[in-house]
Amino acid sequence: MGRGARLPRSARRKQLLAAAQQVFVANGYHAAAMDDIAERAGVSKPVLYQHFPGKLELYLALLDTQTEALRDAVIDALAGHTDNRERIHGVLSAYFAFVDRDEDDGAFRLIFESDLVNDPAVRDRVESVTRTTMEAVADVVAADTGLAQAEAALLATALTGAAQVAARWWLASDRPVSQEEAVALLESLLWRGISNFPRHI
């Protein structure tokens, strides 16, 4: 498609976000330029500014898209199973699958390794996806075990934190084992702990 070819607004926005993600992941927020993003998208700068008034607004829109994708993946993994071991497997798989996309689009790095992490709006979004995924797991833990919400939240924080940190290490270490092996190892470790809390009848 030629430079400046007309697209529906939603399609153009998706195109601009994809181009912005490539530039932000490659260069970091501070070194990225709106000129580079417009060029990558094959549009003029005025077209880019029609959709996003500035670089920060574009970055935040991109963060919203990716944090929502991660949150939805975890929630879907929980909703897809009634067996708790399968739920743990699903949550771990959601994190590792999201990280495994990083080779192509850097989505996980964009969320958790941003050079703009001290900006309040960025920090709020990162904290929000961490909190909402933890709360989704905590709700399931509380319902299944009868534990108080605070106790369930502590266990859920350990589960989601382990998934996030381990997945990031796995990626940074050039995938020393397969994704399936990594998930199975963590699942075995975490299930040994959570299975000590009997299901609440």
N, C-alpha and C. Protein backbone atom coordinates (compact mmCIF):
# COMPACT_ATOMS: atom_id res chain seq x y z
N MET A 1 0.85 -1.19 0.00
CA MET A 1 0.00 0.00 0.00
C MET A 1 0.88 1.24 0.00
N GLY A 2 0.60 2.20 -0.88
CA GLY A 2 1.45 3.38 -1.02
C GLY A 2 1.35 4.31 0.16
N ARG A 3 2.34 5.20 0.24
CA ARG A 3 2.38 6.16 1.33
C ARG A 3 1.12 7.03 1.29
N GLY A 4 0.46 7.14 2.42
CA GLY A 4 -0.69 8.02 2.53
C GLY A 4 -1.98 7.43 2.00
N ALA A 5 -1.96 6.15 1.54
CA ALA A 5 -3.20 5.54 1.04
C ALA A 5 -4.24 5.56 2.16
N ARG A 6 -5.48 5.80 1.76
CA ARG A 6 -6.53 5.96 2.77
C ARG A 6 -6.92 4.61 3.35
N LEU A 7 -7.03 4.59 4.67
CA LEU A 7 -7.48 3.40 5.39
C LEU A 7 -8.59 3.82 6.33
N PRO A 8 -9.49 2.88 6.69
CA PRO A 8 -10.43 3.19 7.76
C PRO A 8 -9.66 3.59 9.02
N ARG A 9 -10.26 4.46 9.84
CA ARG A 9 -9.54 5.00 11.00
C ARG A 9 -9.00 3.90 11.92
N SER A 10 -9.81 2.86 12.17
CA SER A 10 -9.36 1.79 13.06
C SER A 10 -8.17 1.03 12.48
N ALA A 11 -8.20 0.80 11.17
CA ALA A 11 -7.10 0.10 10.51
C ALA A 11 -5.83 0.95 10.51
N ARG A 12 -6.01 2.26 10.29
CA ARG A 12 -4.85 3.15 10.31
C ARG A 12 -4.23 3.19 11.71
N ARG A 13 -5.08 3.24 12.73
CA ARG A 13 -4.58 3.27 14.10
C ARG A 13 -3.79 1.99 14.41
N LYS A 14 -4.31 0.86 13.98
CA LYS A 14 -3.61 -0.41 14.20
C LYS A 14 -2.26 -0.41 13.49
N GLN A 15 -2.23 0.12 12.28
CA GLN A 15 -0.99 0.20 11.52
C GLN A 15 0.04 1.10 12.22
N LEU A 16 -0.42 2.23 12.73
CA LEU A 16 0.47 3.16 13.42
C LEU A 16 1.00 2.57 14.72
N LEU A 17 0.16 1.86 15.45
CA LEU A 17 0.60 1.22 16.70
C LEU A 17 1.65 0.15 16.41
N ALA A 18 1.45 -0.61 15.35
CA ALA A 18 2.43 -1.66 15.00
C ALA A 18 3.78 -1.03 14.65
N ALA A 19 3.74 0.05 13.88
CA ALA A 19 4.99 0.73 13.53
C ALA A 19 5.65 1.32 14.76
N ALA A 20 4.85 1.93 15.63
CA ALA A 20 5.39 2.54 16.84
C ALA A 20 6.03 1.48 17.73
N GLN A 21 5.40 0.32 17.83
CA GLN A 21 5.95 -0.74 18.67
C GLN A 21 7.33 -1.16 18.18
N GLN A 22 7.48 -1.29 16.88
CA GLN A 22 8.78 -1.67 16.31
C GLN A 22 9.84 -0.63 16.66
N VAL A 23 9.50 0.63 16.55
CA VAL A 23 10.47 1.70 16.80
C VAL A 23 10.77 1.81 18.30
N PHE A 24 9.75 1.76 19.14
CA PHE A 24 9.97 1.87 20.58
C PHE A 24 10.80 0.70 21.12
N VAL A 25 10.51 -0.51 20.65
CA VAL A 25 11.25 -1.67 21.12
C VAL A 25 12.70 -1.60 20.65
N ALA A 26 12.91 -1.16 19.42
CA ALA A 26 14.27 -1.10 18.88
C ALA A 26 15.10 0.01 19.51
N ASN A 27 14.47 1.16 19.78
CA ASN A 27 15.23 2.35 20.19
C ASN A 27 15.00 2.78 21.64
N GLY A 28 13.94 2.27 22.27
CA GLY A 28 13.55 2.81 23.57
C GLY A 28 12.72 4.06 23.36
N TYR A 29 12.00 4.44 24.41
CA TYR A 29 11.11 5.60 24.28
C TYR A 29 11.88 6.87 23.97
N HIS A 30 12.93 7.14 24.71
CA HIS A 30 13.59 8.44 24.61
C HIS A 30 14.27 8.64 23.26
N ALA A 31 14.80 7.57 22.68
CA ALA A 31 15.50 7.70 21.41
C ALA A 31 14.57 7.59 20.20
N ALA A 32 13.35 7.15 20.43
CA ALA A 32 12.39 7.02 19.33
C ALA A 32 11.91 8.40 18.90
N ALA A 33 11.71 8.57 17.62
CA ALA A 33 11.23 9.85 17.08
C ALA A 33 9.95 9.62 16.29
N MET A 34 9.05 10.60 16.38
CA MET A 34 7.80 10.51 15.63
C MET A 34 8.08 10.43 14.13
N ASP A 35 9.14 11.07 13.66
CA ASP A 35 9.53 10.97 12.24
C ASP A 35 9.79 9.52 11.86
N ASP A 36 10.51 8.80 12.75
CA ASP A 36 10.85 7.41 12.46
C ASP A 36 9.59 6.55 12.43
N ILE A 37 8.66 6.83 13.33
CA ILE A 37 7.43 6.04 13.40
C ILE A 37 6.58 6.29 12.14
N ALA A 38 6.46 7.54 11.75
CA ALA A 38 5.70 7.87 10.55
C ALA A 38 6.32 7.20 9.32
N GLU A 39 7.65 7.25 9.24
CA GLU A 39 8.33 6.62 8.10
C GLU A 39 8.11 5.11 8.11
N ARG A 40 8.22 4.50 9.29
CA ARG A 40 8.02 3.05 9.38
C ARG A 40 6.60 2.67 8.96
N ALA A 41 5.63 3.53 9.31
CA ALA A 41 4.23 3.25 8.96
C ALA A 41 3.90 3.62 7.52
N GLY A 42 4.80 4.37 6.88
CA GLY A 42 4.55 4.79 5.51
C GLY A 42 3.51 5.89 5.40
N VAL A 43 3.49 6.78 6.41
CA VAL A 43 2.55 7.90 6.40
C VAL A 43 3.31 9.19 6.66
N SER A 44 2.65 10.30 6.46
CA SER A 44 3.25 11.59 6.78
C SER A 44 3.10 11.86 8.28
N LYS A 45 3.93 12.75 8.80
CA LYS A 45 3.81 13.08 10.22
C LYS A 45 2.45 13.68 10.56
N PRO A 46 1.88 14.54 9.72
CA PRO A 46 0.54 15.05 10.03
C PRO A 46 -0.50 13.95 10.20
N VAL A 47 -0.41 12.88 9.41
CA VAL A 47 -1.34 11.76 9.55
C VAL A 47 -1.15 11.10 10.92
N LEU A 48 0.11 10.92 11.32
CA LEU A 48 0.38 10.34 12.62
C LEU A 48 -0.20 11.20 13.74
N TYR A 49 -0.03 12.52 13.61
CA TYR A 49 -0.53 13.43 14.64
C TYR A 49 -2.05 13.55 14.65
N GLN A 50 -2.69 13.19 13.54
CA GLN A 50 -4.16 13.16 13.54
C GLN A 50 -4.69 12.10 14.50
N HIS A 51 -3.91 11.05 14.69
CA HIS A 51 -4.34 9.94 15.54
C HIS A 51 -3.79 10.04 16.96
N PHE A 52 -2.60 10.57 17.09
CA PHE A 52 -1.94 10.66 18.39
C PHE A 52 -1.30 12.04 18.52
N PRO A 53 -1.71 12.83 19.52
CA PRO A 53 -1.22 14.21 19.61
C PRO A 53 0.26 14.32 19.98
N GLY A 54 0.86 13.24 20.47
CA GLY A 54 2.26 13.31 20.84
C GLY A 54 2.84 11.93 21.06
N LYS A 55 4.15 11.89 21.28
CA LYS A 55 4.84 10.61 21.45
C LYS A 55 4.36 9.88 22.70
N LEU A 56 4.15 10.60 23.79
CA LEU A 56 3.72 9.94 25.02
C LEU A 56 2.34 9.32 24.85
N GLU A 57 1.42 10.04 24.23
CA GLU A 57 0.07 9.51 24.01
C GLU A 57 0.12 8.24 23.15
N LEU A 58 1.00 8.24 22.16
CA LEU A 58 1.16 7.06 21.30
C LEU A 58 1.72 5.89 22.11
N TYR A 59 2.70 6.17 22.93
CA TYR A 59 3.31 5.13 23.76
C TYR A 59 2.30 4.55 24.74
N LEU A 60 1.50 5.41 25.36
CA LEU A 60 0.50 4.94 26.32
C LEU A 60 -0.59 4.11 25.64
N ALA A 61 -0.97 4.52 24.45
CA ALA A 61 -1.97 3.73 23.70
C ALA A 61 -1.42 2.35 23.39
N LEU A 62 -0.16 2.29 23.07
CA LEU A 62 0.49 1.01 22.79
C LEU A 62 0.57 0.15 24.05
N LEU A 63 0.92 0.77 25.16
CA LEU A 63 0.95 0.05 26.43
C LEU A 63 -0.44 -0.48 26.79
N ASP A 64 -1.47 0.33 26.57
CA ASP A 64 -2.84 -0.12 26.86
C ASP A 64 -3.17 -1.37 26.06
N THR A 65 -2.80 -1.37 24.78
CA THR A 65 -3.08 -2.51 23.92
C THR A 65 -2.40 -3.77 24.42
N GLN A 66 -1.12 -3.65 24.79
CA GLN A 66 -0.37 -4.83 25.17
C GLN A 66 -0.68 -5.31 26.59
N THR A 67 -0.90 -4.39 27.52
CA THR A 67 -1.27 -4.83 28.86
C THR A 67 -2.64 -5.51 28.85
N GLU A 68 -3.53 -5.01 28.03
CA GLU A 68 -4.85 -5.64 27.90
C GLU A 68 -4.72 -7.05 27.34
N ALA A 69 -3.81 -7.23 26.37
CA ALA A 69 -3.61 -8.56 25.77
C ALA A 69 -3.07 -9.54 26.80
N LEU A 70 -2.12 -9.10 27.64
CA LEU A 70 -1.57 -9.98 28.66
C LEU A 70 -2.63 -10.31 29.71
N ARG A 71 -3.34 -9.29 30.17
CA ARG A 71 -4.39 -9.52 31.17
C ARG A 71 -5.44 -10.50 30.65
N ASP A 72 -5.89 -10.30 29.42
CA ASP A 72 -6.92 -11.17 28.85
C ASP A 72 -6.42 -12.61 28.71
N ALA A 73 -5.13 -12.77 28.37
CA ALA A 73 -4.57 -14.12 28.22
C ALA A 73 -4.60 -14.86 29.55
N VAL A 74 -4.27 -14.17 30.64
CA VAL A 74 -4.27 -14.81 31.96
C VAL A 74 -5.71 -15.12 32.39
N ILE A 75 -6.61 -14.17 32.22
CA ILE A 75 -8.01 -14.39 32.62
C ILE A 75 -8.64 -15.52 31.81
N ASP A 76 -8.35 -15.57 30.53
CA ASP A 76 -8.88 -16.65 29.68
C ASP A 76 -8.33 -18.01 30.12
N ALA A 77 -7.05 -18.02 30.54
CA ALA A 77 -6.44 -19.27 30.99
C ALA A 77 -7.14 -19.79 32.24
N LEU A 78 -7.51 -18.88 33.14
CA LEU A 78 -8.22 -19.28 34.35
C LEU A 78 -9.63 -19.75 34.04
N ALA A 79 -10.29 -19.04 33.15
CA ALA A 79 -11.69 -19.35 32.83
C ALA A 79 -11.83 -20.65 32.04
N GLY A 80 -10.75 -21.05 31.38
CA GLY A 80 -10.83 -22.21 30.51
C GLY A 80 -10.75 -23.55 31.22
N HIS A 81 -10.53 -23.54 32.56
CA HIS A 81 -10.34 -24.80 33.28
C HIS A 81 -11.03 -24.74 34.64
N THR A 82 -11.40 -25.91 35.14
CA THR A 82 -11.90 -26.01 36.51
C THR A 82 -10.92 -26.75 37.40
N ASP A 83 -10.00 -27.49 36.80
CA ASP A 83 -8.96 -28.19 37.55
C ASP A 83 -7.83 -27.22 37.87
N ASN A 84 -7.42 -27.17 39.14
CA ASN A 84 -6.45 -26.17 39.55
C ASN A 84 -5.06 -26.38 38.95
N ARG A 85 -4.65 -27.61 38.76
CA ARG A 85 -3.35 -27.82 38.12
C ARG A 85 -3.39 -27.33 36.68
N GLU A 86 -4.49 -27.55 36.01
CA GLU A 86 -4.63 -27.06 34.64
C GLU A 86 -4.67 -25.53 34.62
N ARG A 87 -5.25 -24.93 35.66
CA ARG A 87 -5.25 -23.47 35.74
C ARG A 87 -3.83 -22.94 35.88
N ILE A 88 -3.03 -23.57 36.74
CA ILE A 88 -1.64 -23.14 36.89
C ILE A 88 -0.90 -23.29 35.56
N HIS A 89 -1.12 -24.42 34.91
CA HIS A 89 -0.49 -24.64 33.61
C HIS A 89 -0.92 -23.54 32.62
N GLY A 90 -2.20 -23.21 32.65
CA GLY A 90 -2.72 -22.20 31.73
C GLY A 90 -2.14 -20.83 31.97
N VAL A 91 -2.03 -20.44 33.25
CA VAL A 91 -1.48 -19.12 33.58
C VAL A 91 0.00 -19.06 33.19
N LEU A 92 0.76 -20.09 33.52
CA LEU A 92 2.17 -20.12 33.13
C LEU A 92 2.32 -20.08 31.61
N SER A 93 1.50 -20.84 30.93
CA SER A 93 1.57 -20.87 29.46
C SER A 93 1.24 -19.50 28.88
N ALA A 94 0.29 -18.79 29.51
CA ALA A 94 -0.07 -17.46 29.03
C ALA A 94 1.11 -16.52 29.12
N TYR A 95 1.82 -16.53 30.24
CA TYR A 95 3.00 -15.67 30.39
C TYR A 95 4.10 -16.05 29.41
N PHE A 96 4.40 -17.34 29.31
CA PHE A 96 5.48 -17.76 28.44
C PHE A 96 5.15 -17.53 26.96
N ALA A 97 3.89 -17.75 26.59
CA ALA A 97 3.50 -17.48 25.20
C ALA A 97 3.61 -15.99 24.89
N PHE A 98 3.24 -15.15 25.84
CA PHE A 98 3.34 -13.70 25.64
C PHE A 98 4.80 -13.30 25.50
N VAL A 99 5.66 -13.85 26.34
CA VAL A 99 7.09 -13.57 26.24
C VAL A 99 7.66 -14.08 24.93
N ASP A 100 7.19 -15.24 24.49
CA ASP A 100 7.73 -15.84 23.27
C ASP A 100 7.43 -15.01 22.05
N ARG A 101 6.40 -14.16 22.14
CA ARG A 101 6.12 -13.20 21.06
C ARG A 101 7.23 -12.16 20.96
N ASP A 102 8.01 -12.03 22.03
CA ASP A 102 8.97 -10.94 22.12
C ASP A 102 9.98 -10.96 21.00
N GLU A 103 10.30 -12.16 20.51
CA GLU A 103 11.24 -12.26 19.40
C GLU A 103 10.71 -11.52 18.18
N ASP A 104 9.39 -11.49 18.05
CA ASP A 104 8.77 -10.83 16.90
C ASP A 104 8.41 -9.37 17.17
N ASP A 105 7.82 -9.10 18.36
CA ASP A 105 7.30 -7.74 18.53
C ASP A 105 7.71 -7.03 19.82
N GLY A 106 8.38 -7.73 20.72
CA GLY A 106 8.88 -7.06 21.91
C GLY A 106 7.82 -6.62 22.90
N ALA A 107 6.63 -7.23 22.86
CA ALA A 107 5.53 -6.75 23.68
C ALA A 107 5.85 -6.83 25.17
N PHE A 108 6.41 -7.94 25.61
CA PHE A 108 6.69 -8.11 27.03
C PHE A 108 7.76 -7.13 27.49
N ARG A 109 8.78 -6.95 26.66
CA ARG A 109 9.84 -5.99 27.00
C ARG A 109 9.29 -4.57 27.06
N LEU A 110 8.35 -4.27 26.20
CA LEU A 110 7.73 -2.95 26.19
C LEU A 110 7.03 -2.66 27.52
N ILE A 111 6.39 -3.68 28.09
CA ILE A 111 5.67 -3.49 29.35
C ILE A 111 6.61 -3.45 30.54
N PHE A 112 7.50 -4.44 30.63
CA PHE A 112 8.24 -4.64 31.87
C PHE A 112 9.68 -4.14 31.85
N GLU A 113 10.15 -3.66 30.72
CA GLU A 113 11.52 -3.17 30.66
C GLU A 113 11.58 -1.80 29.97
N SER A 114 10.54 -1.03 30.15
CA SER A 114 10.46 0.28 29.52
C SER A 114 11.47 1.25 30.13
N ASP A 115 12.06 2.09 29.28
CA ASP A 115 12.96 3.14 29.80
C ASP A 115 12.16 4.36 30.27
N LEU A 116 10.84 4.20 30.29
CA LEU A 116 9.97 5.28 30.77
C LEU A 116 9.20 4.84 32.02
N VAL A 117 9.74 3.84 32.71
CA VAL A 117 9.00 3.22 33.81
C VAL A 117 8.74 4.19 34.96
N ASN A 118 9.52 5.26 35.07
CA ASN A 118 9.31 6.21 36.17
C ASN A 118 8.23 7.24 35.87
N ASP A 119 7.73 7.27 34.64
CA ASP A 119 6.62 8.16 34.32
C ASP A 119 5.36 7.64 35.01
N PRO A 120 4.64 8.49 35.73
CA PRO A 120 3.47 8.01 36.49
C PRO A 120 2.44 7.28 35.64
N ALA A 121 2.17 7.77 34.44
CA ALA A 121 1.16 7.13 33.60
C ALA A 121 1.61 5.75 33.15
N VAL A 122 2.90 5.60 32.85
CA VAL A 122 3.44 4.30 32.46
C VAL A 122 3.44 3.36 33.66
N ARG A 123 3.91 3.85 34.79
CA ARG A 123 3.95 3.03 36.00
C ARG A 123 2.56 2.55 36.39
N ASP A 124 1.55 3.42 36.27
CA ASP A 124 0.18 3.04 36.59
C ASP A 124 -0.30 1.88 35.72
N ARG A 125 0.05 1.91 34.45
CA ARG A 125 -0.40 0.86 33.55
C ARG A 125 0.29 -0.47 33.85
N VAL A 126 1.58 -0.41 34.13
CA VAL A 126 2.31 -1.63 34.46
C VAL A 126 1.80 -2.21 35.78
N GLU A 127 1.60 -1.35 36.77
CA GLU A 127 1.07 -1.80 38.06
C GLU A 127 -0.34 -2.34 37.92
N SER A 128 -1.12 -1.74 37.03
CA SER A 128 -2.50 -2.17 36.83
C SER A 128 -2.57 -3.58 36.27
N VAL A 129 -1.75 -3.89 35.25
CA VAL A 129 -1.81 -5.24 34.68
C VAL A 129 -1.27 -6.26 35.67
N THR A 130 -0.27 -5.88 36.46
CA THR A 130 0.24 -6.78 37.49
C THR A 130 -0.83 -7.05 38.54
N ARG A 131 -1.54 -5.98 38.93
CA ARG A 131 -2.57 -6.11 39.96
C ARG A 131 -3.78 -6.90 39.45
N THR A 132 -4.25 -6.60 38.25
CA THR A 132 -5.46 -7.26 37.76
C THR A 132 -5.24 -8.75 37.49
N THR A 133 -4.05 -9.11 37.01
CA THR A 133 -3.79 -10.54 36.81
C THR A 133 -3.68 -11.24 38.16
N MET A 134 -3.03 -10.59 39.12
CA MET A 134 -2.94 -11.18 40.45
C MET A 134 -4.33 -11.35 41.05
N GLU A 135 -5.17 -10.32 40.94
CA GLU A 135 -6.51 -10.38 41.53
C GLU A 135 -7.36 -11.47 40.89
N ALA A 136 -7.19 -11.68 39.60
CA ALA A 136 -7.95 -12.74 38.92
C ALA A 136 -7.56 -14.10 39.49
N VAL A 137 -6.26 -14.30 39.69
CA VAL A 137 -5.80 -15.56 40.29
C VAL A 137 -6.26 -15.66 41.74
N ALA A 138 -6.17 -14.55 42.48
CA ALA A 138 -6.56 -14.55 43.89
C ALA A 138 -8.03 -14.89 44.06
N ASP A 139 -8.87 -14.40 43.19
CA ASP A 139 -10.31 -14.71 43.28
C ASP A 139 -10.56 -16.21 43.15
N VAL A 140 -9.83 -16.85 42.23
CA VAL A 140 -9.97 -18.29 42.05
C VAL A 140 -9.45 -19.03 43.28
N VAL A 141 -8.29 -18.60 43.78
CA VAL A 141 -7.71 -19.25 44.96
C VAL A 141 -8.65 -19.13 46.16
N ALA A 142 -9.18 -17.93 46.38
CA ALA A 142 -10.08 -17.71 47.51
C ALA A 142 -11.34 -18.57 47.38
N ALA A 143 -11.91 -18.60 46.19
CA ALA A 143 -13.15 -19.38 45.98
C ALA A 143 -12.90 -20.86 46.18
N ASP A 144 -11.75 -21.34 45.75
CA ASP A 144 -11.48 -22.78 45.81
C ASP A 144 -11.01 -23.26 47.18
N THR A 145 -10.32 -22.41 47.91
CA THR A 145 -9.71 -22.86 49.17
C THR A 145 -10.45 -22.37 50.41
N GLY A 146 -11.25 -21.32 50.25
CA GLY A 146 -11.90 -20.73 51.41
C GLY A 146 -10.99 -19.80 52.19
N LEU A 147 -9.78 -19.54 51.66
CA LEU A 147 -8.87 -18.61 52.32
C LEU A 147 -9.43 -17.20 52.27
N ALA A 148 -9.03 -16.38 53.22
CA ALA A 148 -9.39 -14.96 53.19
C ALA A 148 -8.75 -14.32 51.96
N GLN A 149 -9.35 -13.20 51.51
CA GLN A 149 -8.88 -12.57 50.29
C GLN A 149 -7.41 -12.13 50.39
N ALA A 150 -7.02 -11.63 51.56
CA ALA A 150 -5.63 -11.19 51.72
C ALA A 150 -4.66 -12.37 51.60
N GLU A 151 -5.04 -13.50 52.17
CA GLU A 151 -4.20 -14.69 52.07
C GLU A 151 -4.13 -15.20 50.64
N ALA A 152 -5.27 -15.20 49.98
CA ALA A 152 -5.31 -15.63 48.58
C ALA A 152 -4.49 -14.69 47.70
N ALA A 153 -4.54 -13.38 48.01
CA ALA A 153 -3.77 -12.41 47.23
C ALA A 153 -2.27 -12.64 47.37
N LEU A 154 -1.85 -13.02 48.58
CA LEU A 154 -0.43 -13.30 48.80
C LEU A 154 0.02 -14.50 47.98
N LEU A 155 -0.79 -15.56 47.98
CA LEU A 155 -0.46 -16.74 47.17
C LEU A 155 -0.49 -16.40 45.68
N ALA A 156 -1.47 -15.62 45.26
CA ALA A 156 -1.58 -15.25 43.85
C ALA A 156 -0.41 -14.39 43.40
N THR A 157 0.05 -13.51 44.29
CA THR A 157 1.22 -12.68 43.97
C THR A 157 2.45 -13.56 43.75
N ALA A 158 2.60 -14.59 44.58
CA ALA A 158 3.73 -15.51 44.42
C ALA A 158 3.62 -16.26 43.10
N LEU A 159 2.41 -16.70 42.75
CA LEU A 159 2.23 -17.45 41.51
C LEU A 159 2.49 -16.60 40.27
N THR A 160 1.84 -15.44 40.22
CA THR A 160 2.00 -14.59 39.02
C THR A 160 3.40 -13.98 38.98
N GLY A 161 3.96 -13.67 40.14
CA GLY A 161 5.32 -13.13 40.16
C GLY A 161 6.33 -14.14 39.66
N ALA A 162 6.18 -15.40 40.09
CA ALA A 162 7.07 -16.45 39.61
C ALA A 162 6.94 -16.63 38.10
N ALA A 163 5.72 -16.59 37.60
CA ALA A 163 5.50 -16.74 36.16
C ALA A 163 6.18 -15.62 35.39
N GLN A 164 6.00 -14.39 35.86
CA GLN A 164 6.57 -13.24 35.16
C GLN A 164 8.10 -13.25 35.20
N VAL A 165 8.66 -13.42 36.39
CA VAL A 165 10.12 -13.37 36.53
C VAL A 165 10.78 -14.53 35.79
N ALA A 166 10.22 -15.73 35.92
CA ALA A 166 10.80 -16.89 35.24
C ALA A 166 10.72 -16.75 33.72
N ALA A 167 9.59 -16.25 33.23
CA ALA A 167 9.44 -16.07 31.79
C ALA A 167 10.44 -15.05 31.26
N ARG A 168 10.65 -13.97 32.00
CA ARG A 168 11.62 -12.95 31.58
C ARG A 168 13.04 -13.52 31.59
N TRP A 169 13.37 -14.30 32.61
CA TRP A 169 14.70 -14.93 32.68
C TRP A 169 14.89 -15.86 31.50
N TRP A 170 13.86 -16.66 31.22
CA TRP A 170 13.92 -17.63 30.12
C TRP A 170 14.20 -16.92 28.79
N LEU A 171 13.52 -15.80 28.57
CA LEU A 171 13.74 -15.06 27.33
C LEU A 171 15.15 -14.46 27.29
N ALA A 172 15.56 -13.82 28.41
CA ALA A 172 16.87 -13.18 28.46
C ALA A 172 18.01 -14.19 28.33
N SER A 173 17.73 -15.44 28.72
CA SER A 173 18.76 -16.49 28.66
C SER A 173 18.71 -17.27 27.35
N ASP A 174 18.04 -16.71 26.35
CA ASP A 174 17.95 -17.32 25.01
C ASP A 174 17.28 -18.69 25.03
N ARG A 175 16.21 -18.80 25.82
CA ARG A 175 15.37 -19.99 25.82
C ARG A 175 16.22 -21.26 26.00
N PRO A 176 16.85 -21.43 27.18
CA PRO A 176 17.75 -22.58 27.38
C PRO A 176 17.05 -23.93 27.35
N VAL A 177 15.75 -23.94 27.61
CA VAL A 177 14.93 -25.15 27.43
C VAL A 177 13.73 -24.74 26.60
N SER A 178 12.99 -25.72 26.11
CA SER A 178 11.82 -25.38 25.31
C SER A 178 10.76 -24.72 26.19
N GLN A 179 9.83 -24.02 25.54
CA GLN A 179 8.74 -23.39 26.29
C GLN A 179 7.94 -24.44 27.06
N GLU A 180 7.69 -25.58 26.43
CA GLU A 180 6.92 -26.64 27.08
C GLU A 180 7.65 -27.17 28.32
N GLU A 181 8.97 -27.36 28.21
CA GLU A 181 9.74 -27.83 29.36
C GLU A 181 9.73 -26.80 30.49
N ALA A 182 9.89 -25.54 30.12
CA ALA A 182 9.92 -24.48 31.13
C ALA A 182 8.60 -24.42 31.88
N VAL A 183 7.49 -24.48 31.17
CA VAL A 183 6.17 -24.44 31.81
C VAL A 183 5.98 -25.67 32.69
N ALA A 184 6.39 -26.84 32.21
CA ALA A 184 6.22 -28.07 33.00
C ALA A 184 7.04 -28.02 34.29
N LEU A 185 8.26 -27.50 34.23
CA LEU A 185 9.10 -27.40 35.43
C LEU A 185 8.46 -26.48 36.46
N LEU A 186 8.04 -25.31 36.02
CA LEU A 186 7.42 -24.36 36.95
C LEU A 186 6.10 -24.89 37.48
N GLU A 187 5.34 -25.52 36.60
CA GLU A 187 4.05 -26.09 37.03
C GLU A 187 4.26 -27.10 38.14
N SER A 188 5.27 -27.95 37.99
CA SER A 188 5.56 -28.96 39.01
C SER A 188 5.91 -28.30 40.33
N LEU A 189 6.75 -27.28 40.28
CA LEU A 189 7.15 -26.56 41.50
C LEU A 189 5.96 -25.89 42.17
N LEU A 190 5.19 -25.13 41.41
CA LEU A 190 4.10 -24.35 41.98
C LEU A 190 2.94 -25.24 42.43
N TRP A 191 2.69 -26.31 41.71
CA TRP A 191 1.59 -27.19 42.09
C TRP A 191 1.87 -27.88 43.41
N ARG A 192 3.13 -28.19 43.67
CA ARG A 192 3.49 -28.83 44.94
C ARG A 192 3.11 -27.92 46.11
N GLY A 193 3.20 -26.61 45.90
CA GLY A 193 2.84 -25.68 46.96
C GLY A 193 1.34 -25.47 47.07
N ILE A 194 0.69 -25.15 45.97
CA ILE A 194 -0.72 -24.78 46.02
C ILE A 194 -1.61 -25.99 46.32
N SER A 195 -1.14 -27.18 45.99
CA SER A 195 -1.96 -28.37 46.24
C SER A 195 -2.07 -28.68 47.74
N ASN A 196 -1.24 -28.02 48.56
CA ASN A 196 -1.34 -28.19 50.00
C ASN A 196 -2.56 -27.50 50.58
N PHE A 197 -3.22 -26.66 49.77
CA PHE A 197 -4.42 -25.97 50.23
C PHE A 197 -5.62 -26.69 49.60
N PRO A 198 -6.33 -27.50 50.41
CA PRO A 198 -7.43 -28.29 49.84
C PRO A 198 -8.55 -27.42 49.32
N ARG A 199 -9.25 -27.94 48.32
CA ARG A 199 -10.39 -27.21 47.76
C ARG A 199 -11.47 -27.09 48.81
N HIS A 200 -12.09 -25.93 48.82
CA HIS A 200 -13.12 -25.61 49.81
C HIS A 200 -14.46 -26.18 49.32
N ILE A 201 -15.09 -26.95 50.15
CA ILE A 201 -16.41 -27.53 49.80
C ILE A 201 -17.49 -26.66 50.41
